[in-house]
């Protein structure tokens, strides 16, 4: 069993390590493993547990917990996030401490009973500025939804200036030394975590930062990776910087056109659409051959674009792989406020365009125009129609009101 660690007076780390983990949630590589952080706060009148761990590691979690208290001493269990890697030990904890009250966000209420596997739990919903006081310690709650599940929240230990941030400011980085000023260089893991977990929720990150900015924070006790005590403001500022970048270049909105082409037909349509968008002086249009882009390029371009137009031929009744790769990257960006459109040339059936259009709608892009489908080689008239398509799409991106199908 790894030893427990005192974070500050009466606050203890009772989390666990998963050093052999190499892939997390399918999408993330974890070269340094990860940790599932959890905390125990002792007070004169009882104990508060802050989050639990993945079920496979619950025995170690309970061993650490038992170093500091009996289960009858536990008055509250605070669950900042109900994902299984943080709630896995909750069913057993509620069995061992049946009188403890679970504190969750209002959004977590429908999830709690199924996760805790019990109908007999005592729980209460909490939200911004609601507080509990126990034995001279005051915990203030903060509503920080969508970071990265709808039910996430944060809390703040007023007397010791500790922010329990949930998954925010986490990183998949295992190091026995635990604290940011003692572990190795984890900057890459910190940014990689943000890019894959928090970047799709930039607006919610900024909303959370507005709450955090009102606090004096000496320690950030997150749910994955090093605990931050040397310069917490550094990590807040990094999140602020990464989340504040807008989708304008030289004060103009950016529209990006991505295409794959077999016989140059889809490329010709893409060029006509590009020229139509470029006819609007207040927009910047860019055009990209998807076969020449890697994933990191795709994500960066998508993130910087207000409008996204995708062109594809139909091959064997389907969308070519480079286009699916682009569409899969979209789960890593925030789609709020972005516009989408699609087009393509086809020889026989032409399903690809409708597949792309459907996918854009399901991703919650605003899709103002019907797609363009052109059989084989585009005529001059069809290229003019493609130009008009680009011009009209650009006008919508730039603020023109029209009825849209979602």
Protein backbone atom coordinates (compact mmCIF):
# COMPACT_ATOMS: atom_id res chain seq x y z
CA UNK A 1 0.00 0.00 0.00
CA UNK A 2 1.29 3.46 -0.90
CA UNK A 3 1.63 5.74 2.09
CA UNK A 4 -0.92 8.47 2.64
CA UNK A 5 0.20 12.08 2.52
CA UNK A 6 -0.79 15.15 4.51
CA UNK A 7 -1.56 17.99 2.12
CA UNK A 8 -2.07 20.61 4.79
CA UNK A 9 -3.15 20.43 8.42
CA UNK A 10 -5.93 17.82 8.80
CA UNK A 11 -6.27 17.26 5.03
CA UNK A 12 -4.94 13.95 3.73
CA UNK A 13 -4.46 12.36 0.34
CA UNK A 14 -6.16 8.94 0.20
CA UNK A 15 -6.03 8.50 -3.57
CA UNK A 16 -4.39 5.68 -5.50
CA UNK A 17 -2.04 5.24 -8.45
CA UNK A 18 -2.44 3.34 -11.71
CA UNK A 19 1.13 3.46 -13.07
CA UNK A 20 0.66 0.76 -15.73
CA UNK A 21 -2.30 2.41 -17.47
CA UNK A 22 -1.43 3.30 -21.07
CA UNK A 23 -4.80 4.30 -22.53
CA UNK A 24 -7.54 6.25 -20.76
CA UNK A 25 -11.13 6.50 -22.01
CA UNK A 26 -10.08 5.12 -25.40
CA UNK A 27 -8.89 8.50 -26.72
CA UNK A 28 -5.95 9.36 -24.45
CA UNK A 29 -2.47 7.89 -24.28
CA UNK A 30 -1.07 7.76 -20.74
CA UNK A 31 2.65 7.17 -21.05
CA UNK A 32 3.15 7.91 -17.35
CA UNK A 33 0.06 6.15 -16.02
CA UNK A 34 -2.37 8.14 -13.90
CA UNK A 35 -3.74 8.66 -10.40
CA UNK A 36 -7.24 8.70 -8.99
CA UNK A 37 -7.08 11.40 -6.35
CA UNK A 38 -9.28 11.44 -3.26
CA UNK A 39 -9.05 13.33 0.02
CA UNK A 40 -9.97 13.07 3.70
CA UNK A 41 -10.57 16.11 5.89
CA UNK A 42 -10.50 15.62 9.66
CA UNK A 43 -12.34 18.08 11.88
CA UNK A 44 -13.18 18.28 15.58
CA UNK A 45 -16.70 17.01 14.86
CA UNK A 46 -16.12 14.38 12.21
CA UNK A 47 -14.68 13.58 8.81
CA UNK A 48 -15.41 14.67 5.25
CA UNK A 49 -14.42 12.40 2.36
CA UNK A 50 -13.87 14.17 -0.95
CA UNK A 51 -14.33 11.74 -3.88
CA UNK A 52 -13.40 8.08 -4.13
CA UNK A 53 -11.43 5.97 -6.62
CA UNK A 54 -11.82 3.40 -9.38
CA UNK A 55 -13.42 0.21 -8.06
CA UNK A 56 -10.42 -1.97 -8.89
CA UNK A 57 -8.35 0.09 -6.43
CA UNK A 58 -10.88 0.47 -3.63
CA UNK A 59 -9.07 -1.82 -1.16
CA UNK A 60 -6.07 0.51 -1.09
CA UNK A 61 -8.40 3.49 -0.77
CA UNK A 62 -10.10 1.99 2.28
CA UNK A 63 -6.76 1.00 3.82
CA UNK A 64 -5.64 4.62 3.68
CA UNK A 65 -8.97 5.95 4.92
CA UNK A 66 -8.86 3.65 7.95
CA UNK A 67 -5.53 5.17 9.03
CA UNK A 68 -7.40 8.34 10.00
CA UNK A 69 -10.92 7.50 11.06
CA UNK A 70 -13.62 5.00 11.83
CA UNK A 71 -16.45 4.82 9.34
CA UNK A 72 -18.88 6.10 11.97
CA UNK A 73 -16.89 9.35 12.04
CA UNK A 74 -17.66 10.14 8.38
CA UNK A 75 -20.31 12.85 8.25
CA UNK A 76 -20.13 13.87 4.58
CA UNK A 77 -19.03 12.39 1.26
CA UNK A 78 -18.48 15.07 -1.38
CA UNK A 79 -18.64 13.80 -4.97
CA UNK A 80 -17.34 16.40 -7.41
CA UNK A 81 -17.68 14.03 -10.37
CA UNK A 82 -19.51 10.71 -10.76
CA UNK A 83 -17.46 9.16 -13.54
CA UNK A 84 -16.54 5.57 -12.55
CA UNK A 85 -12.86 6.35 -11.97
CA UNK A 86 -13.96 8.64 -9.10
CA UNK A 87 -17.14 6.95 -7.91
CA UNK A 88 -16.08 3.31 -8.17
CA UNK A 89 -15.62 2.91 -4.40
CA UNK A 90 -18.76 4.87 -3.53
CA UNK A 91 -21.14 1.87 -3.24
CA UNK A 92 -18.86 0.16 -0.75
CA UNK A 93 -18.18 3.41 1.12
CA UNK A 94 -21.90 4.06 1.57
CA UNK A 95 -22.29 0.50 2.85
CA UNK A 96 -19.53 1.03 5.42
CA UNK A 97 -20.63 4.55 6.35
CA UNK A 98 -24.43 4.42 5.95
CA UNK A 99 -25.09 7.57 7.98
CA UNK A 100 -22.82 9.81 5.91
CA UNK A 101 -24.60 12.39 3.76
CA UNK A 102 -23.53 12.51 0.11
CA UNK A 103 -23.19 16.00 -1.36
CA UNK A 104 -23.61 16.30 -5.13
CA UNK A 105 -24.61 18.82 -7.78
CA UNK A 106 -28.30 18.98 -8.77
CA UNK A 107 -27.41 17.50 -12.17
CA UNK A 108 -25.91 14.44 -10.47
CA UNK A 109 -29.13 13.42 -8.72
CA UNK A 110 -30.49 11.14 -11.49
CA UNK A 111 -27.14 9.35 -11.73
CA UNK A 112 -26.44 8.80 -8.05
CA UNK A 113 -28.74 5.89 -7.24
CA UNK A 114 -27.60 3.81 -10.19
CA UNK A 115 -23.94 4.46 -9.39
CA UNK A 116 -24.23 3.91 -5.64
CA UNK A 117 -26.44 0.84 -6.17
CA UNK A 118 -28.68 1.73 -3.26
CA UNK A 119 -32.04 3.36 -2.55
CA UNK A 120 -31.18 4.14 1.07
CA UNK A 121 -28.56 6.84 0.62
CA UNK A 122 -28.75 10.16 2.37
CA UNK A 123 -27.87 12.88 -0.10
CA UNK A 124 -28.24 16.60 -0.67
CA UNK A 125 -27.77 18.82 -3.73
CA UNK A 126 -25.40 21.76 -3.44
CA UNK A 127 -24.56 24.69 -5.71
CA UNK A 128 -22.59 27.92 -5.90
CA UNK A 129 -22.05 29.62 -2.52
CA UNK A 130 -23.85 26.94 -0.55
CA UNK A 131 -21.69 25.97 2.43
CA UNK A 132 -21.31 23.31 5.08
CA UNK A 133 -19.41 23.81 8.32
CA UNK A 134 -18.05 20.95 10.39
CA UNK A 135 -15.70 21.21 13.38
CA UNK A 136 -14.31 24.60 12.42
CA UNK A 137 -13.88 23.81 8.70
CA UNK A 138 -16.05 25.43 6.04
CA UNK A 139 -16.55 24.01 2.58
CA UNK A 140 -18.04 26.31 -0.05
CA UNK A 141 -19.50 24.75 -3.20
CA UNK A 142 -19.18 26.01 -6.77
CA UNK A 143 -21.36 25.00 -9.72
CA UNK A 144 -18.96 24.14 -12.55
CA UNK A 145 -20.95 21.95 -14.96
CA UNK A 146 -19.67 20.32 -18.14
CA UNK A 147 -16.09 19.94 -16.95
CA UNK A 148 -16.30 17.47 -18.45
CA UNK A 149 -19.64 15.84 -17.53
CA UNK A 150 -22.90 17.76 -16.92
CA UNK A 151 -22.83 17.00 -13.15
CA UNK A 152 -19.33 18.22 -12.30
CA UNK A 153 -18.80 20.72 -9.50
CA UNK A 154 -15.98 22.17 -7.40
CA UNK A 155 -15.59 23.11 -3.75
CA UNK A 156 -13.35 25.38 -1.69
CA UNK A 157 -12.00 24.85 1.82
CA UNK A 158 -12.14 28.38 3.13
CA UNK A 159 -9.83 28.14 6.16
CA UNK A 160 -6.99 26.46 4.23
CA UNK A 161 -7.56 28.02 0.81
CA UNK A 162 -7.80 24.67 -0.97
CA UNK A 163 -9.72 24.36 -4.24
CA UNK A 164 -11.11 20.89 -4.91
CA UNK A 165 -11.44 21.34 -8.64
CA UNK A 166 -12.68 17.95 -9.83
CA UNK A 167 -11.21 16.91 -13.18
CA UNK A 168 -10.28 20.50 -13.98
CA UNK A 169 -6.48 21.10 -13.82
CA UNK A 170 -5.88 17.37 -13.93
CA UNK A 171 -3.28 15.42 -15.86
CA UNK A 172 -2.67 11.74 -16.46
CA UNK A 173 0.75 11.68 -14.86
CA UNK A 174 1.83 9.28 -12.13
CA UNK A 175 4.74 10.26 -9.88
CA UNK A 176 5.23 9.06 -6.32
CA UNK A 177 6.25 12.57 -5.24
CA UNK A 178 2.65 13.78 -5.79
CA UNK A 179 3.08 17.58 -5.61
CA UNK A 180 3.74 19.79 -8.64
CA UNK A 181 6.93 21.25 -7.17
CA UNK A 182 8.39 17.79 -6.51
CA UNK A 183 7.39 15.66 -9.52
CA UNK A 184 9.09 15.60 -12.90
CA UNK A 185 8.17 17.86 -15.81
CA UNK A 186 4.48 17.19 -16.45
CA UNK A 187 3.72 20.28 -18.58
CA UNK A 188 3.13 18.15 -21.67
CA UNK A 189 0.70 15.88 -19.76
CA UNK A 190 -1.13 18.90 -18.33
CA UNK A 191 -1.70 20.42 -21.78
CA UNK A 192 -2.48 17.06 -23.40
CA UNK A 193 -5.16 16.48 -20.76
CA UNK A 194 -6.68 19.92 -21.39
CA UNK A 195 -6.70 19.37 -25.16
CA UNK A 196 -8.45 16.01 -24.96
CA UNK A 197 -10.77 16.53 -21.99
CA UNK A 198 -11.47 20.24 -21.44
CA UNK A 199 -10.97 21.92 -24.81
CA UNK A 200 -14.46 20.98 -26.08
CA UNK A 201 -15.89 22.93 -23.13
CA UNK A 202 -13.97 26.22 -23.38
CA UNK A 203 -16.98 28.37 -22.52
CA UNK A 204 -17.64 26.31 -19.39
CA UNK A 205 -13.94 26.52 -18.45
CA UNK A 206 -14.13 30.31 -18.61
CA UNK A 207 -17.32 30.31 -16.52
CA UNK A 208 -15.57 28.20 -13.89
CA UNK A 209 -12.53 30.48 -13.91
CA UNK A 210 -14.76 33.44 -13.11
CA UNK A 211 -15.79 31.63 -9.93
CA UNK A 212 -12.24 30.58 -9.09
CA UNK A 213 -10.97 34.14 -9.58
CA UNK A 214 -13.00 35.25 -6.57
CA UNK A 215 -11.05 32.88 -4.31
CA UNK A 216 -7.63 33.03 -2.71
CA UNK A 217 -6.18 29.67 -3.72
CA UNK A 218 -3.07 28.19 -2.13
CA UNK A 219 -3.60 24.59 -3.26
CA UNK A 220 -5.47 22.97 -6.15
CA UNK A 221 -6.51 19.45 -5.17
CA UNK A 222 -7.61 17.91 -8.46
CA UNK A 223 -8.73 14.38 -9.35
CA UNK A 224 -5.85 13.27 -11.60
CA UNK A 225 -2.13 13.87 -11.46
CA UNK A 226 0.01 16.21 -9.36
CA UNK A 227 -1.56 18.34 -6.64
CA UNK A 228 -0.71 22.00 -7.26
CA UNK A 229 0.73 23.99 -4.39
CA UNK A 230 3.76 25.90 -5.70
CA UNK A 231 2.00 28.36 -8.01
CA UNK A 232 -1.72 27.56 -8.46
CA UNK A 233 -2.29 30.75 -10.40
CA UNK A 234 -0.01 29.46 -13.16
CA UNK A 235 -2.46 26.67 -13.93
CA UNK A 236 -5.50 28.95 -13.84
CA UNK A 237 -3.78 31.30 -16.26
CA UNK A 238 -2.86 28.49 -18.64
CA UNK A 239 -6.49 27.34 -18.78
CA UNK A 240 -7.59 30.94 -19.29
CA UNK A 241 -5.14 31.44 -22.14
CA UNK A 242 -6.02 28.18 -23.89
CA UNK A 243 -9.76 28.76 -23.53
CA UNK A 244 -9.81 32.43 -24.55
CA UNK A 245 -8.51 32.15 -28.09
CA UNK A 246 -11.21 33.28 -30.48
CA UNK A 247 -11.93 32.19 -34.03
CA UNK A 248 -10.82 35.37 -35.76
CA UNK A 249 -7.68 36.19 -37.70
CA UNK A 250 -6.75 39.85 -38.03
CA UNK A 251 -10.24 40.66 -36.77
CA UNK A 252 -11.93 38.51 -39.42
CA UNK A 253 -13.82 35.26 -38.99
CA UNK A 254 -12.20 32.20 -40.54
CA UNK A 255 -13.95 29.70 -42.81
CA UNK A 256 -12.05 26.50 -43.55
CA UNK A 257 -12.79 24.19 -46.46
CA UNK A 258 -11.60 20.59 -46.22
CA UNK A 259 -11.81 18.22 -49.14
CA UNK A 260 -10.80 14.82 -50.48
CA UNK A 261 -10.81 14.30 -54.21
CA UNK A 262 -10.42 11.29 -56.48
CA UNK A 263 -10.49 12.79 -59.96
CA UNK A 264 -10.23 16.53 -59.18
CA UNK A 265 -14.01 17.05 -59.38
CA UNK A 266 -14.56 17.64 -55.65
CA UNK A 267 -11.46 19.86 -55.61
CA UNK A 268 -12.91 22.05 -58.40
CA UNK A 269 -16.11 22.49 -56.39
CA UNK A 270 -14.04 23.33 -53.30
CA UNK A 271 -12.17 26.05 -55.21
CA UNK A 272 -15.44 27.60 -56.43
CA UNK A 273 -16.83 27.61 -52.88
CA UNK A 274 -13.56 29.13 -51.64
CA UNK A 275 -13.85 31.95 -54.16
CA UNK A 276 -17.44 32.59 -53.12
CA UNK A 277 -16.48 32.91 -49.47
CA UNK A 278 -13.49 35.10 -50.34
CA UNK A 279 -15.83 37.54 -52.08
CA UNK A 280 -16.77 38.72 -48.58
CA UNK A 281 -14.02 41.10 -47.43
CA UNK A 282 -14.77 40.50 -43.76
CA UNK A 283 -13.96 36.77 -43.93
CA UNK A 284 -10.81 34.76 -44.41
CA UNK A 285 -11.21 31.50 -46.32
CA UNK A 286 -8.70 28.66 -46.27
CA UNK A 287 -8.73 25.45 -48.27
CA UNK A 288 -7.11 22.14 -47.26
CA UNK A 289 -6.54 18.77 -48.91
CA UNK A 290 -7.34 16.38 -46.06
CA UNK A 291 -4.87 13.79 -47.25
CA UNK A 292 -2.05 16.21 -46.39
CA UNK A 293 -3.18 16.94 -42.79
CA UNK A 294 -2.45 15.08 -39.59
CA UNK A 295 -4.76 15.06 -36.56
CA UNK A 296 -3.06 17.88 -34.68
CA UNK A 297 -3.28 20.13 -37.76
CA UNK A 298 -6.96 19.27 -38.17
CA UNK A 299 -7.79 20.10 -34.56
CA UNK A 300 -5.93 23.41 -34.66
CA UNK A 301 -7.67 24.48 -37.87
CA UNK A 302 -11.11 23.37 -36.66
CA UNK A 303 -10.66 25.23 -33.43
CA UNK A 304 -9.76 28.48 -35.20
CA UNK A 305 -12.67 28.31 -37.67
CA UNK A 306 -16.16 29.73 -37.28
CA UNK A 307 -17.29 28.07 -40.50
CA UNK A 308 -16.32 24.57 -41.63
CA UNK A 309 -17.10 23.20 -45.10
CA UNK A 310 -16.36 19.58 -45.96
CA UNK A 311 -16.16 18.11 -49.46
CA UNK A 312 -16.00 14.44 -50.35
CA UNK A 313 -16.58 11.98 -53.16
CA UNK A 314 -18.53 8.80 -52.46
CA UNK A 315 -16.39 5.67 -52.55
CA UNK A 316 -18.07 2.28 -52.27
CA UNK A 317 -21.19 3.94 -50.88
CA UNK A 318 -19.29 5.60 -48.02
CA UNK A 319 -17.24 8.58 -46.90
CA UNK A 320 -13.45 8.18 -47.38
CA UNK A 321 -11.40 7.62 -44.24
CA UNK A 322 -9.67 11.08 -44.19
CA UNK A 323 -13.09 12.71 -43.85
CA UNK A 324 -14.13 10.38 -41.03
CA UNK A 325 -10.82 11.19 -39.33
CA UNK A 326 -11.69 14.89 -39.55
CA UNK A 327 -15.18 14.31 -38.16
CA UNK A 328 -13.79 12.26 -35.26
CA UNK A 329 -11.49 15.17 -34.34
CA UNK A 330 -14.56 17.32 -33.74
CA UNK A 331 -15.23 15.66 -30.40
CA UNK A 332 -12.07 17.44 -29.18
CA UNK A 333 -13.25 20.98 -29.93
CA UNK A 334 -16.06 23.21 -28.76
CA UNK A 335 -18.75 23.33 -31.45
CA UNK A 336 -20.81 26.10 -29.89
CA UNK A 337 -21.32 28.92 -32.42
CA UNK A 338 -19.75 27.06 -35.34
CA UNK A 339 -21.38 26.66 -38.77
CA UNK A 340 -21.07 23.64 -41.02
CA UNK A 341 -21.76 22.76 -44.65
CA UNK A 342 -20.80 20.02 -47.08
CA UNK A 343 -20.56 19.18 -50.76
CA UNK A 344 -19.26 16.51 -53.09
CA UNK A 345 -19.02 14.92 -56.49
CA UNK A 346 -20.15 11.34 -57.07
CA UNK A 347 -20.35 8.75 -59.78
CA UNK A 348 -23.09 6.33 -58.80
CA UNK A 349 -24.95 6.71 -55.52
CA UNK A 350 -23.58 9.81 -53.72
CA UNK A 351 -24.30 8.83 -50.10
CA UNK A 352 -21.19 10.54 -48.66
CA UNK A 353 -22.57 14.07 -48.67
CA UNK A 354 -25.71 13.13 -46.74
CA UNK A 355 -23.63 11.17 -44.25
CA UNK A 356 -21.43 14.21 -43.61
CA UNK A 357 -24.43 16.52 -43.37
CA UNK A 358 -26.11 14.24 -40.86
CA UNK A 359 -22.93 14.02 -38.81
CA UNK A 360 -22.52 17.81 -38.69
CA UNK A 361 -26.08 18.17 -37.43
CA UNK A 362 -25.61 15.50 -34.77
CA UNK A 363 -22.49 17.33 -33.59
CA UNK A 364 -24.69 20.43 -33.09
CA UNK A 365 -23.11 22.53 -35.82
CA UNK A 366 -25.41 25.14 -37.30
CA UNK A 367 -26.13 23.84 -40.81
CA UNK A 368 -27.81 26.64 -42.78
CA UNK A 369 -27.62 25.31 -46.34
CA UNK A 370 -28.65 22.19 -48.19
CA UNK A 371 -25.55 20.29 -49.35
CA UNK A 372 -24.27 20.40 -52.90
CA UNK A 373 -24.21 17.05 -54.75
CA UNK A 374 -22.82 17.07 -58.28
CA UNK A 375 -22.67 14.03 -60.51
CA UNK A 376 -19.21 13.46 -61.94
CA UNK A 377 -17.56 16.52 -63.56
CA UNK A 378 -19.10 19.87 -62.50
CA UNK A 379 -20.39 22.03 -65.34
CA UNK A 380 -19.77 25.77 -65.55
CA UNK A 381 -23.29 26.34 -64.25
CA UNK A 382 -22.69 24.01 -61.33
CA UNK A 383 -19.42 25.75 -60.49
CA UNK A 384 -21.29 29.08 -60.48
CA UNK A 385 -23.83 27.51 -58.13
CA UNK A 386 -20.93 26.36 -55.95
CA UNK A 387 -19.57 29.92 -55.93
CA UNK A 388 -22.99 31.19 -54.80
CA UNK A 389 -23.11 28.45 -52.16
CA UNK A 390 -19.80 29.71 -50.75
CA UNK A 391 -20.90 33.32 -50.87
CA UNK A 392 -24.17 32.56 -49.08
CA UNK A 393 -22.48 30.38 -46.48
CA UNK A 394 -20.01 33.19 -45.82
CA UNK A 395 -22.86 35.66 -45.33
CA UNK A 396 -24.46 33.37 -42.76
CA UNK A 397 -21.16 32.94 -40.89
CA UNK A 398 -20.84 36.69 -40.92
CA UNK A 399 -24.23 37.19 -39.29
CA UNK A 400 -26.93 36.96 -41.95
CA UNK A 401 -30.12 35.60 -40.42
CA UNK A 402 -31.85 32.68 -42.05
CA UNK A 403 -33.79 29.61 -41.05
CA UNK A 404 -31.51 26.70 -40.27
CA UNK A 405 -32.03 22.98 -39.92
CA UNK A 406 -30.35 21.47 -36.88
